[in-house]
Amino acid sequence: MFEFTKLMKFDVKVVVVKDILHEGDTARALISRELAEKLGVKDGGLIRLTRGDVSVCFEAIVSEFAEGVDVVIPSGYFASRLADEENPKLFKAEVEKCDKADSI
């Protein structure tokens, strides 16, 4: 069956915070309930954040902590690939579903 939500992309606000998810080997991100509903993603679902020509696929965790911002990612390897040099703690990115979370 064709999954329409897989083709949907949204512009989102991303916040980078220290020690939120104990990053480990797999990329994980907190997402707001509203964004999860738009994308059709549940806990453990996969999302791709793209900024410029860099993309990272994250395992999504639906959380109230991300309300009002859209996406919260831990500082570390994956955040450093996406973050803005001028403001590394807050940036805009494009989000969509993906098939496999990135890992180190």
PDB file of N, CA and C in Angstrom:
ATOM      1  N   MET A   1       0.831  -1.171   0.000  1.00  0.00           N
ATOM      2  CA  MET A   1       0.000   0.000   0.000  1.00  0.00           C
ATOM      3  C   MET A   1       0.886   1.249   0.000  1.00  0.00           C
ATOM      4  N   PHE A   2       0.525   2.238  -0.778  1.00  0.00           N
ATOM      5  CA  PHE A   2       1.288   3.479  -0.891  1.00  0.00           C
ATOM      6  C   PHE A   2       1.072   4.324   0.356  1.00  0.00           C
ATOM      7  N   GLU A   3       2.158   4.825   0.933  1.00  0.00           N
ATOM      8  CA  GLU A   3       2.085   5.631   2.152  1.00  0.00           C
ATOM      9  C   GLU A   3       2.292   7.099   1.798  1.00  0.00           C
ATOM     10  N   PHE A   4       1.191   7.856   1.752  1.00  0.00           N
ATOM     11  CA  PHE A   4       1.226   9.259   1.349  1.00  0.00           C
ATOM     12  C   PHE A   4       2.105  10.107   2.260  1.00  0.00           C
ATOM     13  N   THR A   5       2.051   9.859   3.589  1.00  0.00           N
ATOM     14  CA  THR A   5       2.807  10.693   4.530  1.00  0.00           C
ATOM     15  C   THR A   5       4.310  10.569   4.320  1.00  0.00           C
ATOM     16  N   LYS A   6       4.760   9.516   3.665  1.00  0.00           N
ATOM     17  CA  LYS A   6       6.193   9.346   3.420  1.00  0.00           C
ATOM     18  C   LYS A   6       6.721  10.425   2.474  1.00  0.00           C
ATOM     19  N   LEU A   7       5.854  11.017   1.661  1.00  0.00           N
ATOM     20  CA  LEU A   7       6.267  12.046   0.712  1.00  0.00           C
ATOM     21  C   LEU A   7       6.190  13.453   1.297  1.00  0.00           C
ATOM     22  N   MET A   8       5.620  13.593   2.481  1.00  0.00           N
ATOM     23  CA  MET A   8       5.428  14.913   3.064  1.00  0.00           C
ATOM     24  C   MET A   8       6.712  15.423   3.711  1.00  0.00           C
ATOM     25  N   LYS A   9       6.997  16.722   3.487  1.00  0.00           N
ATOM     26  CA  LYS A   9       8.148  17.377   4.096  1.00  0.00           C
ATOM     27  C   LYS A   9       7.658  18.657   4.758  1.00  0.00           C
ATOM     28  N   PHE A  10       8.235  18.981   5.906  1.00  0.00           N
ATOM     29  CA  PHE A  10       7.867  20.179   6.640  1.00  0.00           C
ATOM     30  C   PHE A  10       9.127  20.904   7.089  1.00  0.00           C
ATOM     31  N   ASP A  11       9.041  22.226   7.180  1.00  0.00           N
ATOM     32  CA  ASP A  11      10.103  23.015   7.790  1.00  0.00           C
ATOM     33  C   ASP A  11       9.843  23.042   9.284  1.00  0.00           C
ATOM     34  N   VAL A  12      10.890  22.778  10.075  1.00  0.00           N
ATOM     35  CA  VAL A  12      10.736  22.705  11.524  1.00  0.00           C
ATOM     36  C   VAL A  12      11.836  23.478  12.229  1.00  0.00           C
ATOM     37  N   LYS A  13      11.562  23.835  13.497  1.00  0.00           N
ATOM     38  CA  LYS A  13      12.558  24.432  14.379  1.00  0.00           C
ATOM     39  C   LYS A  13      13.207  23.307  15.163  1.00  0.00           C
ATOM     40  N   VAL A  14      14.542  23.303  15.193  1.00  0.00           N
ATOM     41  CA  VAL A  14      15.291  22.267  15.895  1.00  0.00           C
ATOM     42  C   VAL A  14      16.105  22.926  17.004  1.00  0.00           C
ATOM     43  N   VAL A  15      16.035  22.351  18.203  1.00  0.00           N
ATOM     44  CA  VAL A  15      16.827  22.818  19.332  1.00  0.00           C
ATOM     45  C   VAL A  15      17.814  21.721  19.699  1.00  0.00           C
ATOM     46  N   VAL A  16      19.059  22.122  19.961  1.00  0.00           N
ATOM     47  CA  VAL A  16      20.106  21.186  20.381  1.00  0.00           C
ATOM     48  C   VAL A  16      20.319  21.391  21.876  1.00  0.00           C
ATOM     49  N   VAL A  17      20.232  20.318  22.652  1.00  0.00           N
ATOM     50  CA  VAL A  17      20.421  20.398  24.100  1.00  0.00           C
ATOM     51  C   VAL A  17      21.440  19.365  24.559  1.00  0.00           C
ATOM     52  N   LYS A  18      22.032  19.618  25.692  1.00  0.00           N
ATOM     53  CA  LYS A  18      23.077  18.739  26.214  1.00  0.00           C
ATOM     54  C   LYS A  18      22.465  17.585  27.006  1.00  0.00           C
ATOM     55  N   ASP A  19      22.978  16.377  26.777  1.00  0.00           N
ATOM     56  CA  ASP A  19      22.644  15.196  27.575  1.00  0.00           C
ATOM     57  C   ASP A  19      21.159  14.895  27.693  1.00  0.00           C
ATOM     58  N   ILE A  20      20.409  15.054  26.623  1.00  0.00           N
ATOM     59  CA  ILE A  20      18.974  14.777  26.717  1.00  0.00           C
ATOM     60  C   ILE A  20      18.662  13.298  26.538  1.00  0.00           C
ATOM     61  N   LEU A  21      19.342  12.642  25.631  1.00  0.00           N
ATOM     62  CA  LEU A  21      18.993  11.252  25.311  1.00  0.00           C
ATOM     63  C   LEU A  21      20.166  10.290  25.429  1.00  0.00           C
ATOM     64  N   HIS A  22      21.268  10.729  25.990  1.00  0.00           N
ATOM     65  CA  HIS A  22      22.457   9.878  26.056  1.00  0.00           C
ATOM     66  C   HIS A  22      22.682   9.239  24.687  1.00  0.00           C
ATOM     67  N   GLU A  23      23.069  10.070  23.744  1.00  0.00           N
ATOM     68  CA  GLU A  23      23.060   9.794  22.305  1.00  0.00           C
ATOM     69  C   GLU A  23      23.456   8.374  21.916  1.00  0.00           C
ATOM     70  N   GLY A  24      24.555   7.846  22.401  1.00  0.00           N
ATOM     71  CA  GLY A  24      24.947   6.488  22.038  1.00  0.00           C
ATOM     72  C   GLY A  24      25.241   6.354  20.560  1.00  0.00           C
ATOM     73  N   ASP A  25      25.047   5.161  20.027  1.00  0.00           N
ATOM     74  CA  ASP A  25      25.386   4.885  18.626  1.00  0.00           C
ATOM     75  C   ASP A  25      24.291   5.271  17.643  1.00  0.00           C
ATOM     76  N   THR A  26      23.044   5.271  18.085  1.00  0.00           N
ATOM     77  CA  THR A  26      21.915   5.540  17.194  1.00  0.00           C
ATOM     78  C   THR A  26      21.421   6.965  17.374  1.00  0.00           C
ATOM     79  N   ALA A  27      21.112   7.613  16.264  1.00  0.00           N
ATOM     80  CA  ALA A  27      20.585   8.981  16.307  1.00  0.00           C
ATOM     81  C   ALA A  27      19.152   8.952  16.819  1.00  0.00           C
ATOM     82  N   ARG A  28      18.875   9.727  17.871  1.00  0.00           N
ATOM     83  CA  ARG A  28      17.531   9.814  18.432  1.00  0.00           C
ATOM     84  C   ARG A  28      17.140  11.275  18.578  1.00  0.00           C
ATOM     85  N   ALA A  29      15.847  11.560  18.399  1.00  0.00           N
ATOM     86  CA  ALA A  29      15.337  12.928  18.512  1.00  0.00           C
ATOM     87  C   ALA A  29      13.977  12.906  19.190  1.00  0.00           C
ATOM     88  N   LEU A  30      13.725  13.919  20.012  1.00  0.00           N
ATOM     89  CA  LEU A  30      12.399  14.121  20.571  1.00  0.00           C
ATOM     90  C   LEU A  30      11.607  14.952  19.577  1.00  0.00           C
ATOM     91  N   ILE A  31      10.366  14.563  19.322  1.00  0.00           N
ATOM     92  CA  ILE A  31       9.524  15.354  18.411  1.00  0.00           C
ATOM     93  C   ILE A  31       8.205  15.666  19.106  1.00  0.00           C
ATOM     94  N   SER A  32       7.625  16.794  18.729  1.00  0.00           N
ATOM     95  CA  SER A  32       6.347  17.192  19.319  1.00  0.00           C
ATOM     96  C   SER A  32       5.229  16.276  18.826  1.00  0.00           C
ATOM     97  N   ARG A  33       4.195  16.182  19.624  1.00  0.00           N
ATOM     98  CA  ARG A  33       3.040  15.355  19.252  1.00  0.00           C
ATOM     99  C   ARG A  33       2.412  15.872  17.955  1.00  0.00           C
ATOM    100  N   GLU A  34       2.348  17.199  17.817  1.00  0.00           N
ATOM    101  CA  GLU A  34       1.772  17.800  16.607  1.00  0.00           C
ATOM    102  C   GLU A  34       2.556  17.381  15.360  1.00  0.00           C
ATOM    103  N   LEU A  35       3.883  17.431  15.423  1.00  0.00           N
ATOM    104  CA  LEU A  35       4.706  17.023  14.281  1.00  0.00           C
ATOM    105  C   LEU A  35       4.553  15.529  14.017  1.00  0.00           C
ATOM    106  N   ALA A  36       4.495  14.736  15.072  1.00  0.00           N
ATOM    107  CA  ALA A  36       4.315  13.288  14.908  1.00  0.00           C
ATOM    108  C   ALA A  36       3.019  12.987  14.156  1.00  0.00           C
ATOM    109  N   GLU A  37       1.960  13.716  14.501  1.00  0.00           N
ATOM    110  CA  GLU A  37       0.683  13.509  13.819  1.00  0.00           C
ATOM    111  C   GLU A  37       0.753  13.936  12.357  1.00  0.00           C
ATOM    112  N   LYS A  38       1.396  15.067  12.078  1.00  0.00           N
ATOM    113  CA  LYS A  38       1.538  15.530  10.686  1.00  0.00           C
ATOM    114  C   LYS A  38       2.271  14.512   9.832  1.00  0.00           C
ATOM    115  N   LEU A  39       3.348  13.941  10.400  1.00  0.00           N
ATOM    116  CA  LEU A  39       4.171  12.990   9.649  1.00  0.00           C
ATOM    117  C   LEU A  39       3.618  11.566   9.687  1.00  0.00           C
ATOM    118  N   GLY A  40       2.721  11.291  10.608  1.00  0.00           N
ATOM    119  CA  GLY A  40       2.234   9.924  10.783  1.00  0.00           C
ATOM    120  C   GLY A  40       3.288   9.046  11.416  1.00  0.00           C
ATOM    121  N   VAL A  41       4.034   9.617  12.387  1.00  0.00           N
ATOM    122  CA  VAL A  41       5.127   8.899  13.052  1.00  0.00           C
ATOM    123  C   VAL A  41       4.745   8.632  14.502  1.00  0.00           C
ATOM    124  N   LYS A  42       5.071   7.436  14.985  1.00  0.00           N
ATOM    125  CA  LYS A  42       4.863   7.067  16.387  1.00  0.00           C
ATOM    126  C   LYS A  42       6.226   6.879  17.039  1.00  0.00           C
ATOM    127  N   ASP A  43       6.241   6.649  18.356  1.00  0.00           N
ATOM    128  CA  ASP A  43       7.500   6.374  19.042  1.00  0.00           C
ATOM    129  C   ASP A  43       8.260   5.266  18.317  1.00  0.00           C
ATOM    130  N   GLY A  44       9.535   5.500  18.085  1.00  0.00           N
ATOM    131  CA  GLY A  44      10.357   4.521  17.383  1.00  0.00           C
ATOM    132  C   GLY A  44      10.321   4.680  15.876  1.00  0.00           C
ATOM    133  N   GLY A  45       9.434   5.551  15.369  1.00  0.00           N
ATOM    134  CA  GLY A  45       9.393   5.834  13.930  1.00  0.00           C
ATOM    135  C   GLY A  45      10.647   6.586  13.522  1.00  0.00           C
ATOM    136  N   LEU A  46      10.876   6.719  12.247  1.00  0.00           N
ATOM    137  CA  LEU A  46      12.115   7.321  11.757  1.00  0.00           C
ATOM    138  C   LEU A  46      11.848   8.598  10.980  1.00  0.00           C
ATOM    139  N   ILE A  47      12.646   9.640  11.292  1.00  0.00           N
ATOM    140  CA  ILE A  47      12.537  10.923  10.597  1.00  0.00           C
ATOM    141  C   ILE A  47      13.909  11.355  10.084  1.00  0.00           C
ATOM    142  N   ARG A  48      13.898  12.069   8.974  1.00  0.00           N
ATOM    143  CA  ARG A  48      15.137  12.608   8.407  1.00  0.00           C
ATOM    144  C   ARG A  48      15.099  14.128   8.551  1.00  0.00           C
ATOM    145  N   LEU A  49      16.140  14.686   9.173  1.00  0.00           N
ATOM    146  CA  LEU A  49      16.325  16.129   9.213  1.00  0.00           C
ATOM    147  C   LEU A  49      17.341  16.487   8.149  1.00  0.00           C
ATOM    148  N   THR A  50      17.013  17.477   7.329  1.00  0.00           N
ATOM    149  CA  THR A  50      17.903  17.917   6.261  1.00  0.00           C
ATOM    150  C   THR A  50      18.119  19.408   6.394  1.00  0.00           C
ATOM    151  N   ARG A  51      19.387  19.788   6.344  1.00  0.00           N
ATOM    152  CA  ARG A  51      19.765  21.198   6.377  1.00  0.00           C
ATOM    153  C   ARG A  51      20.847  21.386   5.330  1.00  0.00           C
ATOM    154  N   GLY A  52      20.525  22.145   4.303  1.00  0.00           N
ATOM    155  CA  GLY A  52      21.472  22.289   3.197  1.00  0.00           C
ATOM    156  C   GLY A  52      21.631  20.956   2.497  1.00  0.00           C
ATOM    157  N   ASP A  53      22.877  20.510   2.349  1.00  0.00           N
ATOM    158  CA  ASP A  53      23.118  19.225   1.681  1.00  0.00           C
ATOM    159  C   ASP A  53      23.436  18.101   2.672  1.00  0.00           C
ATOM    160  N   VAL A  54      23.135  18.313   3.961  1.00  0.00           N
ATOM    161  CA  VAL A  54      23.397  17.308   4.996  1.00  0.00           C
ATOM    162  C   VAL A  54      22.078  16.778   5.544  1.00  0.00           C
ATOM    163  N   SER A  55      21.973  15.450   5.631  1.00  0.00           N
ATOM    164  CA  SER A  55      20.792  14.799   6.193  1.00  0.00           C
ATOM    165  C   SER A  55      21.205  13.800   7.252  1.00  0.00           C
ATOM    166  N   VAL A  56      20.395  13.686   8.294  1.00  0.00           N
ATOM    167  CA  VAL A  56      20.590  12.673   9.325  1.00  0.00           C
ATOM    168  C   VAL A  56      19.229  12.069   9.622  1.00  0.00           C
ATOM    169  N   CYS A  57      19.157  10.738   9.662  1.00  0.00           N
ATOM    170  CA  CYS A  57      17.919  10.041  10.008  1.00  0.00           C
ATOM    171  C   CYS A  57      17.946   9.690  11.498  1.00  0.00           C
ATOM    172  N   PHE A  58      16.879  10.062  12.201  1.00  0.00           N
ATOM    173  CA  PHE A  58      16.771   9.864  13.637  1.00  0.00           C
ATOM    174  C   PHE A  58      15.626   8.926  13.980  1.00  0.00           C
ATOM    175  N   GLU A  59      15.786   8.181  15.080  1.00  0.00           N
ATOM    176  CA  GLU A  59      14.678   7.465  15.680  1.00  0.00           C
ATOM    177  C   GLU A  59      13.899   8.508  16.463  1.00  0.00           C
ATOM    178  N   ALA A  60      12.600   8.612  16.230  1.00  0.00           N
ATOM    179  CA  ALA A  60      11.778   9.645  16.852  1.00  0.00           C
ATOM    180  C   ALA A  60      11.153   9.152  18.155  1.00  0.00           C
ATOM    181  N   ILE A  61      11.163  10.036  19.141  1.00  0.00           N
ATOM    182  CA  ILE A  61      10.501   9.779  20.413  1.00  0.00           C
ATOM    183  C   ILE A  61       9.525  10.936  20.626  1.00  0.00           C
ATOM    184  N   VAL A  62       8.233  10.628  20.639  1.00  0.00           N
ATOM    185  CA  VAL A  62       7.221  11.666  20.819  1.00  0.00           C
ATOM    186  C   VAL A  62       7.267  12.124  22.278  1.00  0.00           C
ATOM    187  N   SER A  63       7.425  13.451  22.472  1.00  0.00           N
ATOM    188  CA  SER A  63       7.615  13.962  23.829  1.00  0.00           C
ATOM    189  C   SER A  63       7.038  15.365  23.984  1.00  0.00           C
ATOM    190  N   GLU A  64       6.456  15.621  25.156  1.00  0.00           N
ATOM    191  CA  GLU A  64       5.980  16.959  25.479  1.00  0.00           C
ATOM    192  C   GLU A  64       7.145  17.942  25.557  1.00  0.00           C
ATOM    193  N   PHE A  65       8.330  17.449  25.816  1.00  0.00           N
ATOM    194  CA  PHE A  65       9.528  18.294  25.917  1.00  0.00           C
ATOM    195  C   PHE A  65       9.795  19.043  24.610  1.00  0.00           C
ATOM    196  N   ALA A  66       9.320  18.509  23.487  1.00  0.00           N
ATOM    197  CA  ALA A  66       9.546  19.138  22.185  1.00  0.00           C
ATOM    198  C   ALA A  66       8.414  20.064  21.761  1.00  0.00           C
ATOM    199  N   GLU A  67       7.367  20.166  22.562  1.00  0.00           N
ATOM    200  CA  GLU A  67       6.237  21.025  22.209  1.00  0.00           C
ATOM    201  C   GLU A  67       6.695  22.479  22.094  1.00  0.00           C
ATOM    202  N   GLY A  68       6.237  23.152  21.065  1.00  0.00           N
ATOM    203  CA  GLY A  68       6.593  24.549  20.857  1.00  0.00           C
ATOM    204  C   GLY A  68       7.875  24.747  20.083  1.00  0.00           C
ATOM    205  N   VAL A  69       8.609  23.661  19.865  1.00  0.00           N
ATOM    206  CA  VAL A  69       9.855  23.761  19.101  1.00  0.00           C
ATOM    207  C   VAL A  69       9.847  22.851  17.882  1.00  0.00           C
ATOM    208  N   ASP A  70       9.205  21.753  17.895  1.00  0.00           N
ATOM    209  CA  ASP A  70       9.095  20.710  16.874  1.00  0.00           C
ATOM    210  C   ASP A  70      10.039  19.551  17.142  1.00  0.00           C
ATOM    211  N   VAL A  71      11.370  19.811  17.150  1.00  0.00           N
ATOM    212  CA  VAL A  71      12.344  18.725  17.292  1.00  0.00           C
ATOM    213  C   VAL A  71      13.433  19.139  18.275  1.00  0.00           C
ATOM    214  N   VAL A  72      13.814  18.199  19.146  1.00  0.00           N
ATOM    215  CA  VAL A  72      14.920  18.412  20.080  1.00  0.00           C
ATOM    216  C   VAL A  72      15.916  17.276  19.871  1.00  0.00           C
ATOM    217  N   ILE A  73      17.187  17.636  19.623  1.00  0.00           N
ATOM    218  CA  ILE A  73      18.222  16.619  19.431  1.00  0.00           C
ATOM    219  C   ILE A  73      19.347  16.847  20.436  1.00  0.00           C
ATOM    220  N   PRO A  74      20.033  15.774  20.825  1.00  0.00           N
ATOM    221  CA  PRO A  74      21.138  15.933  21.776  1.00  0.00           C
ATOM    222  C   PRO A  74      22.373  16.511  21.082  1.00  0.00           C
ATOM    223  N   SER A  75      23.147  17.282  21.834  1.00  0.00           N
ATOM    224  CA  SER A  75      24.413  17.759  21.277  1.00  0.00           C
ATOM    225  C   SER A  75      25.309  16.542  21.075  1.00  0.00           C
ATOM    226  N   GLY A  76      26.193  16.626  20.145  1.00  0.00           N
ATOM    227  CA  GLY A  76      27.087  15.512  19.851  1.00  0.00           C
ATOM    228  C   GLY A  76      27.299  15.373  18.352  1.00  0.00           C
ATOM    229  N   TYR A  77      27.683  14.201  17.941  1.00  0.00           N
ATOM    230  CA  TYR A  77      28.067  13.948  16.551  1.00  0.00           C
ATOM    231  C   TYR A  77      26.976  14.333  15.555  1.00  0.00           C
ATOM    232  N   PHE A  78      25.764  13.834  15.761  1.00  0.00           N
ATOM    233  CA  PHE A  78      24.696  14.071  14.786  1.00  0.00           C
ATOM    234  C   PHE A  78      24.291  15.532  14.735  1.00  0.00           C
ATOM    235  N   ALA A  79      24.218  16.181  15.899  1.00  0.00           N
ATOM    236  CA  ALA A  79      23.883  17.610  15.939  1.00  0.00           C
ATOM    237  C   ALA A  79      24.954  18.439  15.249  1.00  0.00           C
ATOM    238  N   SER A  80      26.214  18.074  15.435  1.00  0.00           N
ATOM    239  CA  SER A  80      27.303  18.848  14.823  1.00  0.00           C
ATOM    240  C   SER A  80      27.259  18.781  13.304  1.00  0.00           C
ATOM    241  N   ARG A  81      26.697  17.721  12.752  1.00  0.00           N
ATOM    242  CA  ARG A  81      26.568  17.612  11.297  1.00  0.00           C
ATOM    243  C   ARG A  81      25.517  18.563  10.747  1.00  0.00           C
ATOM    244  N   LEU A  82      24.507  18.892  11.561  1.00  0.00           N
ATOM    245  CA  LEU A  82      23.384  19.698  11.095  1.00  0.00           C
ATOM    246  C   LEU A  82      23.417  21.152  11.556  1.00  0.00           C
ATOM    247  N   ALA A  83      24.020  21.403  12.694  1.00  0.00           N
ATOM    248  CA  ALA A  83      23.902  22.713  13.354  1.00  0.00           C
ATOM    249  C   ALA A  83      24.547  23.843  12.561  1.00  0.00           C
ATOM    250  N   ASP A  84      24.040  25.032  12.828  1.00  0.00           N
ATOM    251  CA  ASP A  84      24.536  26.266  12.243  1.00  0.00           C
ATOM    252  C   ASP A  84      25.735  26.741  13.063  1.00  0.00           C
ATOM    253  N   GLU A  85      26.813  27.124  12.415  1.00  0.00           N
ATOM    254  CA  GLU A  85      27.997  27.587  13.126  1.00  0.00           C
ATOM    255  C   GLU A  85      27.708  28.855  13.926  1.00  0.00           C
ATOM    256  N   GLU A  86      26.863  29.734  13.411  1.00  0.00           N
ATOM    257  CA  GLU A  86      26.557  30.984  14.097  1.00  0.00           C
ATOM    258  C   GLU A  86      25.647  30.768  15.303  1.00  0.00           C
ATOM    259  N   ASN A  87      24.729  29.827  15.222  1.00  0.00           N
ATOM    260  CA  ASN A  87      23.832  29.527  16.327  1.00  0.00           C
ATOM    261  C   ASN A  87      23.660  28.011  16.407  1.00  0.00           C
ATOM    262  N   PRO A  88      24.597  27.316  17.044  1.00  0.00           N
ATOM    263  CA  PRO A  88      24.577  25.848  17.050  1.00  0.00           C
ATOM    264  C   PRO A  88      23.484  25.224  17.908  1.00  0.00           C
ATOM    265  N   LYS A  89      22.749  26.015  18.673  1.00  0.00           N
ATOM    266  CA  LYS A  89      21.719  25.471  19.557  1.00  0.00           C
ATOM    267  C   LYS A  89      20.304  25.584  19.013  1.00  0.00           C
ATOM    268  N   LEU A  90      20.106  26.343  17.948  1.00  0.00           N
ATOM    269  CA  LEU A  90      18.769  26.524  17.374  1.00  0.00           C
ATOM    270  C   LEU A  90      18.901  26.749  15.875  1.00  0.00           C
ATOM    271  N   PHE A  91      18.211  25.948  15.089  1.00  0.00           N
ATOM    272  CA  PHE A  91      18.254  26.112  13.636  1.00  0.00           C
ATOM    273  C   PHE A  91      16.985  25.571  13.012  1.00  0.00           C
ATOM    274  N   LYS A  92      16.777  25.893  11.760  1.00  0.00           N
ATOM    275  CA  LYS A  92      15.639  25.374  11.001  1.00  0.00           C
ATOM    276  C   LYS A  92      16.143  24.275  10.078  1.00  0.00           C
ATOM    277  N   ALA A  93      15.304  23.287   9.866  1.00  0.00           N
ATOM    278  CA  ALA A  93      15.641  22.171   8.984  1.00  0.00           C
ATOM    279  C   ALA A  93      14.355  21.675   8.340  1.00  0.00           C
ATOM    280  N   GLU A  94      14.509  20.811   7.365  1.00  0.00           N
ATOM    281  CA  GLU A  94      13.372  20.158   6.722  1.00  0.00           C
ATOM    282  C   GLU A  94      13.263  18.759   7.313  1.00  0.00           C
ATOM    283  N   VAL A  95      12.038  18.308   7.567  1.00  0.00           N
ATOM    284  CA  VAL A  95      11.839  16.983   8.150  1.00  0.00           C
ATOM    285  C   VAL A  95      10.910  16.159   7.265  1.00  0.00           C
ATOM    286  N   GLU A  96      11.195  14.869   7.202  1.00  0.00           N
ATOM    287  CA  GLU A  96      10.366  13.903   6.487  1.00  0.00           C
ATOM    288  C   GLU A  96      10.623  12.527   7.079  1.00  0.00           C
ATOM    289  N   LYS A  97       9.837  11.550   6.699  1.00  0.00           N
ATOM    290  CA  LYS A  97      10.076  10.178   7.155  1.00  0.00           C
ATOM    291  C   LYS A  97      11.305   9.602   6.445  1.00  0.00           C
ATOM    292  N   CYS A  98      11.943   8.612   7.094  1.00  0.00           N
ATOM    293  CA  CYS A  98      13.037   7.897   6.430  1.00  0.00           C
ATOM    294  C   CYS A  98      12.946   6.422   6.799  1.00  0.00           C
ATOM    295  N   ASP A  99      13.853   5.620   6.240  1.00  0.00           N
ATOM    296  CA  ASP A  99      13.767   4.170   6.394  1.00  0.00           C
ATOM    297  C   ASP A  99      14.677   3.571   7.456  1.00  0.00           C
ATOM    298  N   LYS A 100      15.795   4.238   7.777  1.00  0.00           N
ATOM    299  CA  LYS A 100      16.751   3.655   8.712  1.00  0.00           C
ATOM    300  C   LYS A 100      17.471   4.759   9.459  1.00  0.00           C
ATOM    301  N   ALA A 101      17.550   4.641  10.801  1.00  0.00           N
ATOM    302  CA  ALA A 101      18.242   5.637  11.613  1.00  0.00           C
ATOM    303  C   ALA A 101      19.750   5.548  11.363  1.00  0.00           C
ATOM    304  N   ASP A 102      20.404   6.700  11.353  1.00  0.00           N
ATOM    305  CA  ASP A 102      21.858   6.723  11.224  1.00  0.00           C
ATOM    306  C   ASP A 102      22.509   6.246  12.514  1.00  0.00           C
ATOM    307  N   SER A 103      23.701   5.716  12.387  1.00  0.00           N
ATOM    308  CA  SER A 103      24.475   5.320  13.558  1.00  0.00           C
ATOM    309  C   SER A 103      25.936   5.615  13.299  1.00  0.00           C
ATOM    310  N   ILE A 104      26.679   5.669  14.375  1.00  0.00           N
ATOM    311  CA  ILE A 104      28.111   5.993  14.259  1.00  0.00           C
ATOM    312  C   ILE A 104      28.866   4.758  13.844  1.00  0.00           C
TER     313      ILE A 104
END
